[in-house]
Amino acid sequence: MAEETELEEELVIDLDEIRKKYEVRGFFRRLADMFSGLGKPHNTREYKLARIEVQRLMAPLIAVLAVVILVTALIVITAVTGQKKETIEVKIAHAEEETPELEEQVDEEPPDDIEPPPMEEVEIMVDTPTPGPVSEITPVAAPPATQVSVKPAPQDTVAFVDSPVKMKSMTGSRTPGSIGAATKGGAGYGDAITEATVLKCLWWLKARQDKDGSWGGGSSRLANTALAMLTYLAHGEYPGSPSPYRKDFGPVVEKGVQWLVDALVPPTSQSPARMKGADGNEYAFLIATYALCEAYGMTKNPNCKETAMVTLERIIKGQSPTGGWDYKINPSSTRDDLSFAGWALQALKAGKMAGLHPEGLDECIKKAVKCLKTRSFHQDSFTYCANARHHRGLTATGCLAMQLLGFSSEPEVRKALDYMREWHPSFKKGATVADGGVGDNIAKDCPSPQYYCYYATQCKYQAGMRQGATKPDEQSWQKWNAEMKKLYPSAIKDLPDKVKDHTGKEHKQGYFENEDTWSSRPVMDTCLAALQLMVYYRYLPTSQLKSTEEEDKSGAEAAAGKDDVGVEVDI
């Protein structure tokens, strides 16, 4: 019995040992055993088991600690942000209650008409001694930089919207203040008389715009509309402009430009791009391209860009192999009509200044420069076309084209300016130099004097006001300008009826008309004259005055008569 009892006790002990081995211990029991074991000698079984337990419990310990830390952080952040803040009382004033005190609101209503002094009080005094040879010419100081801006205004709008516009690279925005500053300065600039004359033209054009946004009819509609747009843009008028007339002239420009955009007939595989309302020879296509490029340069309207790119591409592809242009933009003709090319080059110039770069533009410019120098120039002047040495009234056209393309110091330009030295602004049909007009003493050379004066005013202005202008060029511009300032305001045809603005205020209106066979198109005559009177402050590509060493160098290379005019023309 004793043996059985002893055996049972051993069996109970063994079972207890087995039960302990397979006993499921809770988390806290295991945690207690772990800390107990870590206190044992390192060579003991308990210590080794404790280290294993530490490794097993690491993951749940980290999870618990992470939650604790996150909760603690949230409690701290809540406590900090929940502290009482000082309350600032903000009072919102309604703008309409303070409107009478805001000076910026004065432009909501167009100002009264400018009242210039009587014409008999205008005294013209220009010191114009006989100029000596070109080699004896002494350069004069450059005109004030603050009076001239060199490029169209980029703006932060992409459509016609009535919003503020940011200007850069300009001496000032086209506000009455900057225009007023540019029209002062004696013989070098305009004055209240010229500005009043320009405004009469703008109100006259507004009163005669058709409901669809165009001017005129038949074959003149496209040209008239494009010239009207150039005239308004030259004065700084477009929707959203800072002009005090924007509520009256802004819608005029919006409708006119939209009409030009809608006039485009896209190219097909059978025919090139065309524009509705164009004349038979497509002069109007070139002028419309010029206007669209100007509109895009000033407004960044994407519709203008899309249309202008199409029309610019046709002008480039329509260039003759010899570098000129002919009627119907015919690329197979080598007639090289300078009158036609004048508008093509103004359009290309405006396009590049506006940031439009159709394929082939630079090569096109190089070929045009070579054509002007080798085919359009003859002895001392530029002529109508390569095989017809007449109509030398177009000397001003070729001269301006060379200036726009960066070749103002070339011998051809110097000779052309000398040839035009005694010209006078005129509205008379067939008026020669002896009669107080433009041309070369051949009456047939001046069938439409204002067409020639449009170019002459610009190239004389650029020559006389450019940096490093020669004394003869400066004096030639001053003499021309003095005569223009006296003639044009007296030649405008004032109308008794006044034009009402959006507030009901009445404004004077007037127009210009040549005494020639083109007198049935007063819109063209009015725009050409008004553009001349705005040459002082036009922020257009054609008002860029620039003379650099690079231009002189490129001009010298072109003058060498190379087959390929390898120059980089900055236009």
Protein backbone atom coordinates (compact mmCIF):
# COMPACT_ATOMS: atom_id res chain seq x y z
CA MET A 1 0.00 0.00 0.00
CA ALA A 2 2.87 2.30 0.76
CA GLU A 3 4.29 1.71 -2.69
CA GLU A 4 0.97 2.48 -4.34
CA THR A 5 0.65 5.70 -2.34
CA GLU A 6 4.14 6.75 -3.30
CA LEU A 7 3.40 5.98 -6.98
CA GLU A 8 0.22 8.04 -6.89
CA GLU A 9 2.07 11.02 -5.41
CA GLU A 10 4.70 10.83 -8.15
CA LEU A 11 1.96 10.65 -10.74
CA VAL A 12 0.27 13.74 -9.30
CA ILE A 13 3.60 15.58 -9.37
CA ASP A 14 4.17 14.60 -13.00
CA LEU A 15 0.70 15.73 -13.97
CA ASP A 16 1.27 19.08 -12.25
CA GLU A 17 4.48 19.53 -14.19
CA ILE A 18 2.74 18.65 -17.45
CA ARG A 19 -0.17 20.97 -16.64
CA LYS A 20 2.24 23.84 -15.92
CA LYS A 21 3.95 23.31 -19.28
CA TYR A 22 0.69 23.52 -21.22
CA GLU A 23 -1.00 26.06 -19.01
CA VAL A 24 -2.26 29.12 -20.98
CA ARG A 25 -0.91 32.16 -19.21
CA GLY A 26 -2.53 35.53 -19.58
CA PHE A 27 -0.81 38.65 -20.81
CA PHE A 28 -0.12 40.08 -17.39
CA ARG A 29 1.15 36.67 -16.10
CA ARG A 30 3.56 36.48 -19.02
CA LEU A 31 4.58 40.08 -18.41
CA ALA A 32 5.28 39.29 -14.73
CA ASP A 33 7.26 36.13 -15.62
CA MET A 34 9.24 38.15 -18.19
CA PHE A 35 10.31 40.80 -15.67
CA SER A 36 11.06 38.05 -13.12
CA GLY A 37 13.17 36.15 -15.60
CA LEU A 38 15.12 39.27 -16.67
CA GLY A 39 16.31 39.48 -13.08
CA LYS A 40 17.81 35.95 -13.20
CA PRO A 41 21.42 35.16 -14.16
CA HIS A 42 22.03 35.25 -17.91
CA ASN A 43 22.93 31.57 -18.13
CA THR A 44 19.67 30.41 -16.58
CA ARG A 45 16.70 29.03 -18.43
CA GLU A 46 14.38 31.65 -16.89
CA TYR A 47 16.47 34.55 -18.30
CA LYS A 48 16.59 33.04 -21.77
CA LEU A 49 12.82 32.51 -21.77
CA ALA A 50 12.34 36.11 -20.59
CA ARG A 51 14.35 37.45 -23.59
CA ILE A 52 12.23 35.37 -25.94
CA GLU A 53 9.12 36.79 -24.30
CA VAL A 54 10.42 40.34 -24.77
CA GLN A 55 10.71 39.71 -28.51
CA ARG A 56 7.19 38.24 -28.63
CA LEU A 57 5.64 41.16 -26.70
CA MET A 58 7.45 43.91 -28.70
CA ALA A 59 4.75 44.24 -31.36
CA PRO A 60 1.76 44.60 -29.02
CA LEU A 61 3.80 46.94 -26.78
CA ILE A 62 4.55 49.23 -29.73
CA ALA A 63 0.88 49.21 -30.76
CA VAL A 64 -0.22 50.19 -27.28
CA LEU A 65 2.43 52.91 -26.95
CA ALA A 66 1.52 54.38 -30.37
CA VAL A 67 -2.11 54.72 -29.35
CA VAL A 68 -1.15 56.28 -26.05
CA ILE A 69 1.18 58.80 -27.73
CA LEU A 70 -1.44 59.72 -30.36
CA VAL A 71 -4.16 60.24 -27.76
CA THR A 72 -1.80 62.34 -25.65
CA ALA A 73 -0.87 64.51 -28.65
CA LEU A 74 -4.52 65.08 -29.52
CA ILE A 75 -5.27 66.09 -25.95
CA VAL A 76 -2.39 68.58 -25.97
CA ILE A 77 -3.37 70.09 -29.34
CA THR A 78 -7.00 70.40 -28.29
CA ALA A 79 -5.98 72.09 -25.10
CA VAL A 80 -3.76 74.59 -26.92
CA THR A 81 -6.20 75.46 -29.72
CA GLY A 82 -9.09 75.63 -27.33
CA GLN A 83 -7.65 78.58 -25.50
CA LYS A 84 -9.67 81.75 -25.80
CA LYS A 85 -8.62 84.01 -28.67
CA GLU A 86 -8.88 87.75 -28.87
CA THR A 87 -11.85 88.65 -31.04
CA ILE A 88 -11.29 91.30 -33.72
CA GLU A 89 -14.34 93.11 -34.90
CA VAL A 90 -14.45 93.66 -38.66
CA LYS A 91 -16.82 96.14 -40.22
CA ILE A 92 -17.61 95.77 -43.93
CA ALA A 93 -18.34 99.02 -45.69
CA HIS A 94 -20.52 98.88 -48.79
CA ALA A 95 -18.67 100.22 -51.83
CA GLU A 96 -21.76 101.91 -53.25
CA GLU A 97 -21.99 104.14 -50.21
CA GLU A 98 -18.51 105.56 -50.86
CA THR A 99 -18.65 105.79 -54.66
CA PRO A 100 -18.83 109.61 -54.79
CA GLU A 101 -15.51 109.78 -52.92
CA LEU A 102 -13.58 107.42 -55.24
CA GLU A 103 -11.47 109.22 -57.80
CA GLU A 104 -11.28 106.09 -59.99
CA GLN A 105 -14.97 106.40 -60.79
CA VAL A 106 -14.52 109.55 -62.84
CA ASP A 107 -13.85 107.54 -65.98
CA GLU A 108 -17.33 106.04 -65.92
CA GLU A 109 -18.56 109.09 -67.76
CA PRO A 110 -16.71 110.28 -70.89
CA PRO A 111 -15.11 113.70 -70.40
CA ASP A 112 -16.32 116.75 -72.21
CA ASP A 113 -15.00 117.42 -75.69
CA ILE A 114 -11.55 118.97 -75.76
CA GLU A 115 -11.83 122.63 -76.66
CA PRO A 116 -8.62 123.58 -78.49
CA PRO A 117 -7.52 127.19 -78.89
CA PRO A 118 -8.59 128.94 -82.10
CA MET A 119 -6.51 127.92 -85.10
CA GLU A 120 -5.34 131.46 -85.75
CA GLU A 121 -3.52 131.37 -82.43
CA VAL A 122 -1.42 128.39 -83.48
CA GLU A 123 2.02 129.58 -84.51
CA ILE A 124 4.29 127.35 -86.55
CA MET A 125 7.98 128.07 -86.12
CA VAL A 126 10.50 125.48 -87.22
CA ASP A 127 14.18 126.20 -87.70
CA THR A 128 14.99 124.28 -90.88
CA PRO A 129 18.31 125.36 -92.39
CA THR A 130 19.35 123.68 -95.60
CA PRO A 131 20.90 120.33 -94.67
CA GLY A 132 24.39 119.53 -95.81
CA PRO A 133 25.70 116.29 -97.31
CA VAL A 134 25.05 113.11 -95.41
CA SER A 135 28.72 112.87 -94.48
CA GLU A 136 28.44 116.21 -92.66
CA ILE A 137 25.35 115.33 -90.66
CA THR A 138 25.81 115.60 -86.92
CA PRO A 139 23.74 113.27 -84.73
CA VAL A 140 21.49 114.92 -82.20
CA ALA A 141 20.48 113.80 -78.74
CA ALA A 142 17.83 111.13 -78.50
CA PRO A 143 14.23 112.21 -77.74
CA PRO A 144 12.93 111.71 -74.20
CA ALA A 145 12.46 108.02 -73.57
CA THR A 146 9.35 108.72 -71.53
CA GLN A 147 7.51 109.96 -74.58
CA VAL A 148 7.70 106.78 -76.66
CA SER A 149 6.60 103.22 -76.10
CA VAL A 150 7.99 100.48 -78.27
CA LYS A 151 5.60 97.56 -78.22
CA PRO A 152 1.93 96.65 -77.82
CA ALA A 153 0.64 96.05 -74.35
CA PRO A 154 0.35 92.48 -73.14
CA GLN A 155 -2.67 92.14 -70.90
CA ASP A 156 -3.99 89.60 -68.46
CA THR A 157 -7.26 88.91 -70.23
CA VAL A 158 -7.95 86.38 -72.95
CA ALA A 159 -11.30 87.68 -74.12
CA PHE A 160 -13.23 90.89 -74.36
CA VAL A 161 -14.17 91.53 -70.77
CA ASP A 162 -14.77 94.71 -68.85
CA SER A 163 -11.97 94.24 -66.35
CA PRO A 164 -8.76 95.99 -65.26
CA VAL A 165 -5.77 95.37 -67.53
CA LYS A 166 -2.14 95.12 -66.46
CA MET A 167 0.34 96.87 -68.73
CA LYS A 168 4.08 96.27 -69.00
CA SER A 169 6.96 97.38 -71.21
CA MET A 170 5.16 100.69 -71.64
CA THR A 171 5.75 104.23 -70.48
CA GLY A 172 2.21 104.31 -69.15
CA SER A 173 -1.26 103.09 -69.87
CA ARG A 174 -3.41 104.66 -72.50
CA THR A 175 -5.14 106.98 -70.14
CA PRO A 176 -5.88 110.66 -70.74
CA GLY A 177 -2.94 111.47 -68.52
CA SER A 178 -0.34 109.62 -70.58
CA ILE A 179 -1.91 110.72 -73.85
CA GLY A 180 -1.94 114.26 -72.60
CA ALA A 181 1.73 114.05 -71.69
CA ALA A 182 2.61 112.67 -75.12
CA THR A 183 0.70 115.38 -76.98
CA LYS A 184 2.70 118.15 -75.34
CA GLY A 185 6.20 119.29 -76.16
CA GLY A 186 5.94 121.82 -78.97
CA ALA A 187 7.03 120.93 -82.48
CA GLY A 188 7.88 117.34 -81.59
CA TYR A 189 4.43 116.22 -80.55
CA GLY A 190 0.73 116.87 -80.84
CA ASP A 191 -1.46 119.08 -78.71
CA ALA A 192 -5.06 119.70 -77.68
CA ILE A 193 -5.97 120.57 -81.27
CA THR A 194 -4.78 117.27 -82.71
CA GLU A 195 -6.37 115.29 -79.88
CA ALA A 196 -9.73 117.04 -80.37
CA THR A 197 -9.54 116.20 -84.08
CA VAL A 198 -8.86 112.53 -83.35
CA LEU A 199 -11.85 112.32 -81.00
CA LYS A 200 -14.12 113.80 -83.67
CA CYS A 201 -13.04 110.97 -85.96
CA LEU A 202 -13.69 108.33 -83.31
CA TRP A 203 -17.18 109.60 -82.58
CA TRP A 204 -17.89 109.84 -86.33
CA LEU A 205 -16.80 106.24 -86.84
CA LYS A 206 -18.93 105.09 -83.92
CA ALA A 207 -22.01 106.74 -85.39
CA ARG A 208 -21.47 104.99 -88.74
CA GLN A 209 -20.74 101.46 -87.63
CA ASP A 210 -23.26 99.01 -89.03
CA LYS A 211 -25.23 96.77 -86.68
CA ASP A 212 -23.11 93.77 -87.65
CA GLY A 213 -19.94 95.60 -86.53
CA SER A 214 -18.57 96.58 -89.94
CA TRP A 215 -18.26 99.83 -91.91
CA GLY A 216 -19.19 100.57 -95.48
CA GLY A 217 -20.32 98.10 -98.06
CA GLY A 218 -19.30 96.09 -101.06
CA SER A 219 -15.61 95.67 -101.78
CA SER A 220 -14.63 98.31 -99.19
CA ARG A 221 -16.29 96.72 -96.17
CA LEU A 222 -13.37 94.57 -95.03
CA ALA A 223 -10.74 97.31 -95.53
CA ASN A 224 -12.91 99.93 -93.85
CA THR A 225 -13.57 97.74 -90.82
CA ALA A 226 -9.91 96.82 -90.43
CA LEU A 227 -8.78 100.46 -90.69
CA ALA A 228 -11.40 101.52 -88.17
CA MET A 229 -10.15 98.87 -85.73
CA LEU A 230 -6.55 100.05 -86.19
CA THR A 231 -7.68 103.60 -85.44
CA TYR A 232 -9.50 102.71 -82.23
CA LEU A 233 -6.71 100.42 -81.04
CA ALA A 234 -4.16 103.17 -81.71
CA HIS A 235 -6.09 105.38 -79.29
CA GLY A 236 -6.09 102.61 -76.67
CA GLU A 237 -9.74 101.70 -77.05
CA TYR A 238 -10.95 98.16 -76.38
CA PRO A 239 -13.25 96.47 -73.84
CA GLY A 240 -11.63 96.52 -70.44
CA SER A 241 -9.17 99.29 -71.28
CA PRO A 242 -8.52 102.08 -68.76
CA SER A 243 -9.79 104.63 -71.27
CA PRO A 244 -12.56 106.99 -70.08
CA TYR A 245 -14.35 106.17 -73.35
CA ARG A 246 -14.33 102.40 -72.90
CA LYS A 247 -18.09 102.10 -72.35
CA ASP A 248 -18.71 103.74 -75.72
CA PHE A 249 -15.71 102.75 -77.84
CA GLY A 250 -15.16 99.35 -76.17
CA PRO A 251 -18.34 97.81 -77.64
CA VAL A 252 -17.47 99.33 -81.02
CA VAL A 253 -14.14 97.52 -81.02
CA GLU A 254 -15.67 94.30 -79.71
CA LYS A 255 -18.20 94.18 -82.53
CA GLY A 256 -15.66 95.22 -85.16
CA VAL A 257 -13.05 92.65 -84.20
CA GLN A 258 -15.66 89.92 -83.97
CA TRP A 259 -16.81 90.81 -87.49
CA LEU A 260 -13.22 90.44 -88.73
CA VAL A 261 -12.92 87.06 -87.01
CA ASP A 262 -16.20 85.87 -88.52
CA ALA A 263 -15.13 87.12 -91.97
CA LEU A 264 -12.49 84.41 -92.30
CA VAL A 265 -13.15 81.69 -94.86
CA PRO A 266 -10.77 78.85 -93.85
CA PRO A 267 -8.50 77.31 -96.47
CA THR A 268 -9.37 74.09 -98.26
CA SER A 269 -7.43 71.71 -100.45
CA GLN A 270 -8.65 73.69 -103.48
CA SER A 271 -8.30 77.30 -102.25
CA PRO A 272 -6.31 79.37 -99.75
CA ALA A 273 -7.79 81.23 -96.79
CA ARG A 274 -9.97 84.20 -97.74
CA MET A 275 -12.00 86.90 -96.00
CA LYS A 276 -15.51 88.06 -96.77
CA GLY A 277 -15.93 91.64 -97.97
CA ALA A 278 -12.46 91.83 -99.53
CA ASP A 279 -11.64 93.80 -102.66
CA GLY A 280 -10.70 92.08 -105.91
CA ASN A 281 -6.96 92.46 -105.40
CA GLU A 282 -7.12 91.51 -101.69
CA TYR A 283 -5.50 94.60 -100.24
CA ALA A 284 -8.15 94.31 -97.54
CA PHE A 285 -6.97 90.80 -96.61
CA LEU A 286 -3.59 92.27 -95.65
CA ILE A 287 -5.07 95.20 -93.74
CA ALA A 288 -7.45 92.89 -91.88
CA THR A 289 -4.52 90.67 -90.87
CA TYR A 290 -2.73 93.76 -89.57
CA ALA A 291 -5.78 94.71 -87.48
CA LEU A 292 -6.24 91.18 -86.11
CA CYS A 293 -2.59 91.03 -85.05
CA GLU A 294 -2.92 94.38 -83.29
CA ALA A 295 -6.11 93.26 -81.58
CA TYR A 296 -4.46 90.07 -80.35
CA GLY A 297 -1.37 91.96 -79.18
CA MET A 298 -3.52 94.25 -77.02
CA THR A 299 -6.22 91.85 -75.81
CA LYS A 300 -4.76 88.32 -76.07
CA ASN A 301 -8.15 87.26 -77.41
CA PRO A 302 -7.67 83.63 -78.57
CA ASN A 303 -10.15 84.09 -81.42
CA CYS A 304 -7.97 86.85 -82.84
CA LYS A 305 -4.90 84.65 -82.52
CA GLU A 306 -6.48 81.70 -84.31
CA THR A 307 -7.70 83.84 -87.21
CA ALA A 308 -4.51 85.89 -87.49
CA MET A 309 -2.35 82.77 -87.64
CA VAL A 310 -4.34 81.50 -90.61
CA THR A 311 -4.13 84.80 -92.49
CA LEU A 312 -0.44 85.30 -91.67
CA GLU A 313 0.33 81.87 -93.07
CA ARG A 314 -1.31 82.79 -96.35
CA ILE A 315 0.70 86.01 -96.59
CA ILE A 316 3.93 84.08 -96.03
CA LYS A 317 3.03 81.40 -98.58
CA GLY A 318 1.88 84.12 -101.01
CA GLN A 319 5.31 85.79 -101.16
CA SER A 320 6.88 85.83 -104.61
CA PRO A 321 10.12 83.94 -105.34
CA THR A 322 11.87 87.33 -105.56
CA GLY A 323 10.68 88.39 -102.10
CA GLY A 324 7.78 90.74 -102.87
CA TRP A 325 4.01 90.46 -103.13
CA ASP A 326 1.48 91.05 -105.87
CA TYR A 327 -2.28 91.40 -106.27
CA LYS A 328 -4.39 88.50 -105.01
CA ILE A 329 -1.39 87.39 -102.91
CA ASN A 330 -0.21 85.48 -105.98
CA PRO A 331 3.01 83.55 -105.19
CA SER A 332 3.80 82.92 -108.86
CA SER A 333 4.01 86.61 -109.78
CA THR A 334 7.33 88.51 -109.68
CA ARG A 335 5.77 91.92 -110.24
CA ASP A 336 6.61 92.86 -106.61
CA ASP A 337 4.05 95.59 -106.01
CA LEU A 338 5.43 97.85 -103.25
CA SER A 339 2.03 99.31 -102.39
CA PHE A 340 0.72 95.79 -101.80
CA ALA A 341 3.86 94.70 -99.96
CA GLY A 342 3.61 97.68 -97.59
CA TRP A 343 0.47 96.26 -95.96
CA ALA A 344 1.84 92.72 -96.00
CA LEU A 345 4.96 93.80 -94.12
CA GLN A 346 2.99 95.85 -91.59
CA ALA A 347 0.88 92.76 -90.90
CA LEU A 348 3.94 90.53 -90.50
CA LYS A 349 5.59 93.08 -88.24
CA ALA A 350 2.47 93.36 -86.05
CA GLY A 351 2.11 89.58 -85.89
CA LYS A 352 5.62 89.00 -84.66
CA MET A 353 5.38 91.85 -82.16
CA ALA A 354 2.18 90.24 -80.83
CA GLY A 355 4.01 86.94 -80.31
CA LEU A 356 2.68 85.14 -83.39
CA HIS A 357 5.31 83.06 -85.17
CA PRO A 358 3.87 81.14 -88.12
CA GLU A 359 6.22 78.79 -89.93
CA GLY A 360 8.51 80.52 -92.41
CA LEU A 361 8.15 84.02 -90.96
CA ASP A 362 11.84 84.76 -90.47
CA GLU A 363 12.84 83.52 -93.92
CA CYS A 364 9.99 85.55 -95.40
CA ILE A 365 11.36 88.70 -93.75
CA LYS A 366 14.85 88.06 -95.09
CA LYS A 367 13.57 87.69 -98.64
CA ALA A 368 11.47 90.86 -98.28
CA VAL A 369 14.50 92.88 -97.17
CA LYS A 370 16.49 91.73 -100.16
CA CYS A 371 13.59 92.59 -102.50
CA LEU A 372 13.26 96.08 -101.03
CA LYS A 373 16.96 96.77 -101.50
CA THR A 374 17.54 95.20 -104.90
CA ARG A 375 14.20 95.36 -106.76
CA SER A 376 12.08 98.11 -105.21
CA PHE A 377 14.77 100.78 -104.88
CA HIS A 378 15.95 102.76 -107.91
CA GLN A 379 18.61 105.49 -107.78
CA ASP A 380 17.24 107.71 -105.02
CA SER A 381 13.76 106.41 -104.19
CA PHE A 382 11.50 103.41 -103.89
CA THR A 383 9.17 102.82 -106.82
CA TYR A 384 5.80 101.20 -107.48
CA CYS A 385 7.10 97.84 -108.70
CA ALA A 386 10.26 96.25 -110.00
CA ASN A 387 9.57 96.83 -113.68
CA ALA A 388 7.78 100.20 -113.40
CA ARG A 389 9.91 103.15 -112.29
CA HIS A 390 7.06 105.49 -111.42
CA HIS A 391 4.71 106.34 -108.56
CA ARG A 392 7.66 107.39 -106.47
CA GLY A 393 5.25 108.64 -103.86
CA LEU A 394 5.62 105.06 -102.59
CA THR A 395 9.14 106.00 -101.49
CA ALA A 396 7.64 106.50 -98.03
CA THR A 397 6.19 102.97 -98.11
CA GLY A 398 9.54 101.37 -98.85
CA CYS A 399 11.29 103.62 -96.35
CA LEU A 400 8.90 102.71 -93.53
CA ALA A 401 9.15 99.01 -94.36
CA MET A 402 12.94 99.15 -94.05
CA GLN A 403 12.65 101.00 -90.74
CA LEU A 404 10.15 98.49 -89.36
CA LEU A 405 12.38 95.59 -90.30
CA GLY A 406 15.38 97.08 -88.51
CA PHE A 407 17.29 98.64 -91.40
CA SER A 408 16.83 102.33 -90.61
CA SER A 409 20.52 103.13 -91.21
CA GLU A 410 20.78 101.65 -94.68
CA PRO A 411 21.83 103.83 -97.67
CA GLU A 412 18.44 103.25 -99.34
CA VAL A 413 16.67 104.70 -96.30
CA ARG A 414 19.02 107.67 -96.15
CA LYS A 415 18.44 108.46 -99.83
CA ALA A 416 14.69 107.97 -99.50
CA LEU A 417 14.53 110.42 -96.58
CA ASP A 418 16.50 112.95 -98.63
CA TYR A 419 14.11 112.44 -101.55
CA MET A 420 11.12 113.15 -99.29
CA ARG A 421 12.77 116.12 -97.59
CA GLU A 422 10.56 118.75 -99.28
CA TRP A 423 7.30 116.85 -99.22
CA HIS A 424 4.25 118.44 -97.59
CA PRO A 425 1.13 116.85 -96.08
CA SER A 426 -1.81 117.32 -98.45
CA PHE A 427 -5.40 116.37 -99.29
CA LYS A 428 -5.28 117.71 -102.87
CA LYS A 429 -5.51 115.43 -105.86
CA GLY A 430 -2.30 115.46 -107.90
CA ALA A 431 -0.59 117.96 -105.60
CA THR A 432 3.14 118.04 -106.38
CA VAL A 433 5.96 119.32 -104.25
CA ALA A 434 5.70 122.67 -105.99
CA ASP A 435 1.98 122.73 -105.24
CA GLY A 436 2.50 121.89 -101.59
CA GLY A 437 2.01 118.16 -101.79
CA VAL A 438 3.83 114.85 -102.08
CA GLY A 439 5.34 113.19 -105.12
CA ASP A 440 8.03 113.97 -107.69
CA ASN A 441 6.36 116.84 -109.57
CA ILE A 442 4.35 114.43 -111.71
CA ALA A 443 0.68 114.93 -110.95
CA LYS A 444 -0.28 111.34 -111.73
CA ASP A 445 2.00 110.20 -108.91
CA CYS A 446 -0.42 111.61 -106.34
CA PRO A 447 -3.93 110.35 -107.12
CA SER A 448 -4.55 109.89 -103.39
CA PRO A 449 -2.12 112.01 -101.36
CA GLN A 450 -3.27 110.78 -97.95
CA TYR A 451 -2.26 107.25 -98.87
CA TYR A 452 1.31 108.51 -99.29
CA CYS A 453 1.10 110.83 -96.29
CA TYR A 454 0.11 107.90 -94.07
CA TYR A 455 3.51 106.36 -94.71
CA ALA A 456 5.43 109.64 -94.88
CA THR A 457 4.25 110.74 -91.43
CA GLN A 458 5.41 107.50 -89.84
CA CYS A 459 8.82 107.25 -91.51
CA LYS A 460 9.58 110.96 -90.92
CA TYR A 461 8.55 110.57 -87.28
CA GLN A 462 10.69 107.49 -86.80
CA ALA A 463 13.68 109.09 -88.53
CA GLY A 464 13.35 112.39 -86.67
CA MET A 465 12.61 110.95 -83.23
CA ARG A 466 14.86 107.89 -83.23
CA GLN A 467 17.84 107.60 -80.98
CA GLY A 468 20.78 109.28 -82.69
CA ALA A 469 18.58 111.13 -85.19
CA THR A 470 20.46 113.42 -87.56
CA LYS A 471 19.76 117.13 -87.50
CA PRO A 472 18.19 117.12 -91.01
CA ASP A 473 15.90 114.23 -90.09
CA GLU A 474 14.89 115.91 -86.87
CA GLN A 475 14.14 119.17 -88.66
CA SER A 476 12.33 117.41 -91.51
CA TRP A 477 10.00 115.73 -89.00
CA GLN A 478 9.39 118.98 -87.10
CA LYS A 479 8.54 120.83 -90.29
CA TRP A 480 6.17 118.08 -91.49
CA ASN A 481 4.53 117.81 -88.09
CA ALA A 482 4.02 121.56 -87.80
CA GLU A 483 2.31 121.65 -91.20
CA MET A 484 0.22 118.57 -90.37
CA LYS A 485 -0.91 120.03 -87.03
CA LYS A 486 -2.12 123.13 -88.84
CA LEU A 487 -3.61 121.49 -91.94
CA TYR A 488 -5.47 118.47 -90.59
CA PRO A 489 -7.65 120.15 -87.93
CA SER A 490 -8.71 122.73 -90.50
CA ALA A 491 -9.34 120.11 -93.20
CA ILE A 492 -11.69 117.94 -91.13
CA LYS A 493 -15.31 118.18 -92.21
CA ASP A 494 -17.28 118.95 -89.05
CA LEU A 495 -20.90 117.83 -88.90
CA PRO A 496 -23.59 119.83 -87.11
CA ASP A 497 -25.13 116.73 -85.53
CA LYS A 498 -23.45 115.47 -82.39
CA VAL A 499 -23.05 111.86 -81.24
CA LYS A 500 -24.51 110.80 -77.89
CA ASP A 501 -22.52 108.61 -75.54
CA HIS A 502 -23.98 106.02 -73.14
CA THR A 503 -24.91 108.74 -70.64
CA GLY A 504 -26.65 110.92 -73.20
CA LYS A 505 -23.87 113.50 -73.39
CA GLU A 506 -23.27 114.84 -76.90
CA HIS A 507 -19.89 114.92 -78.65
CA LYS A 508 -18.64 116.61 -81.80
CA GLN A 509 -17.93 114.50 -84.88
CA GLY A 510 -16.11 114.98 -88.15
CA TYR A 511 -14.41 113.14 -91.01
CA PHE A 512 -11.73 113.55 -93.64
CA GLU A 513 -12.06 113.27 -97.40
CA ASN A 514 -9.46 113.43 -100.16
CA GLU A 515 -10.10 115.52 -103.27
CA ASP A 516 -9.57 112.56 -105.55
CA THR A 517 -11.23 109.57 -107.14
CA TRP A 518 -11.25 107.75 -103.82
CA SER A 519 -13.37 110.38 -102.11
CA SER A 520 -16.32 107.98 -102.04
CA ARG A 521 -14.54 106.15 -99.24
CA PRO A 522 -14.30 108.70 -96.40
CA VAL A 523 -13.83 105.93 -93.82
CA MET A 524 -10.41 105.15 -95.27
CA ASP A 525 -9.44 108.82 -95.53
CA THR A 526 -10.60 109.49 -91.97
CA CYS A 527 -8.71 106.54 -90.51
CA LEU A 528 -5.47 107.31 -92.37
CA ALA A 529 -5.54 110.93 -91.19
CA ALA A 530 -6.42 110.02 -87.60
CA LEU A 531 -3.63 107.44 -87.44
CA GLN A 532 -1.16 110.14 -88.48
CA LEU A 533 -2.39 112.45 -85.74
CA MET A 534 -1.85 109.62 -83.23
CA VAL A 535 1.70 108.83 -84.29
CA TYR A 536 2.93 110.62 -81.14
CA TYR A 537 1.58 108.06 -78.69
CA ARG A 538 0.54 105.01 -80.68
CA TYR A 539 1.47 101.89 -78.77
CA LEU A 540 1.54 99.89 -81.98
CA PRO A 541 4.35 97.98 -83.68
CA THR A 542 4.63 100.72 -86.30
CA SER A 543 5.57 103.19 -83.58
CA GLN A 544 8.62 101.21 -82.51
CA LEU A 545 11.72 103.36 -82.53
CA LYS A 546 14.76 101.16 -82.32
CA SER A 547 18.32 101.46 -83.53
CA THR A 548 20.87 98.91 -82.39
CA GLU A 549 24.28 97.71 -83.40
CA GLU A 550 22.76 94.37 -84.39
CA GLU A 551 20.40 96.10 -86.82
CA ASP A 552 23.22 98.12 -88.33
CA LYS A 553 25.28 94.96 -88.72
CA SER A 554 22.44 93.02 -90.31
CA GLY A 555 21.75 95.92 -92.62
CA ALA A 556 25.37 96.00 -93.75
CA GLU A 557 25.24 92.30 -94.57
CA ALA A 558 22.09 92.75 -96.61
CA ALA A 559 23.65 95.72 -98.41
CA ALA A 560 26.51 93.50 -99.55
CA GLY A 561 24.10 91.94 -102.05
CA LYS A 562 24.38 88.35 -100.94
CA ASP A 563 22.12 85.81 -102.61
CA ASP A 564 20.91 84.63 -99.22
CA VAL A 565 20.49 87.48 -96.77
CA GLY A 566 21.88 85.66 -93.76
CA VAL A 567 20.66 88.02 -91.07
CA GLU A 568 18.63 87.76 -87.93
CA VAL A 569 16.03 90.50 -88.18
CA ASP A 570 14.56 91.53 -84.86
CA ILE A 571 11.11 92.81 -85.67
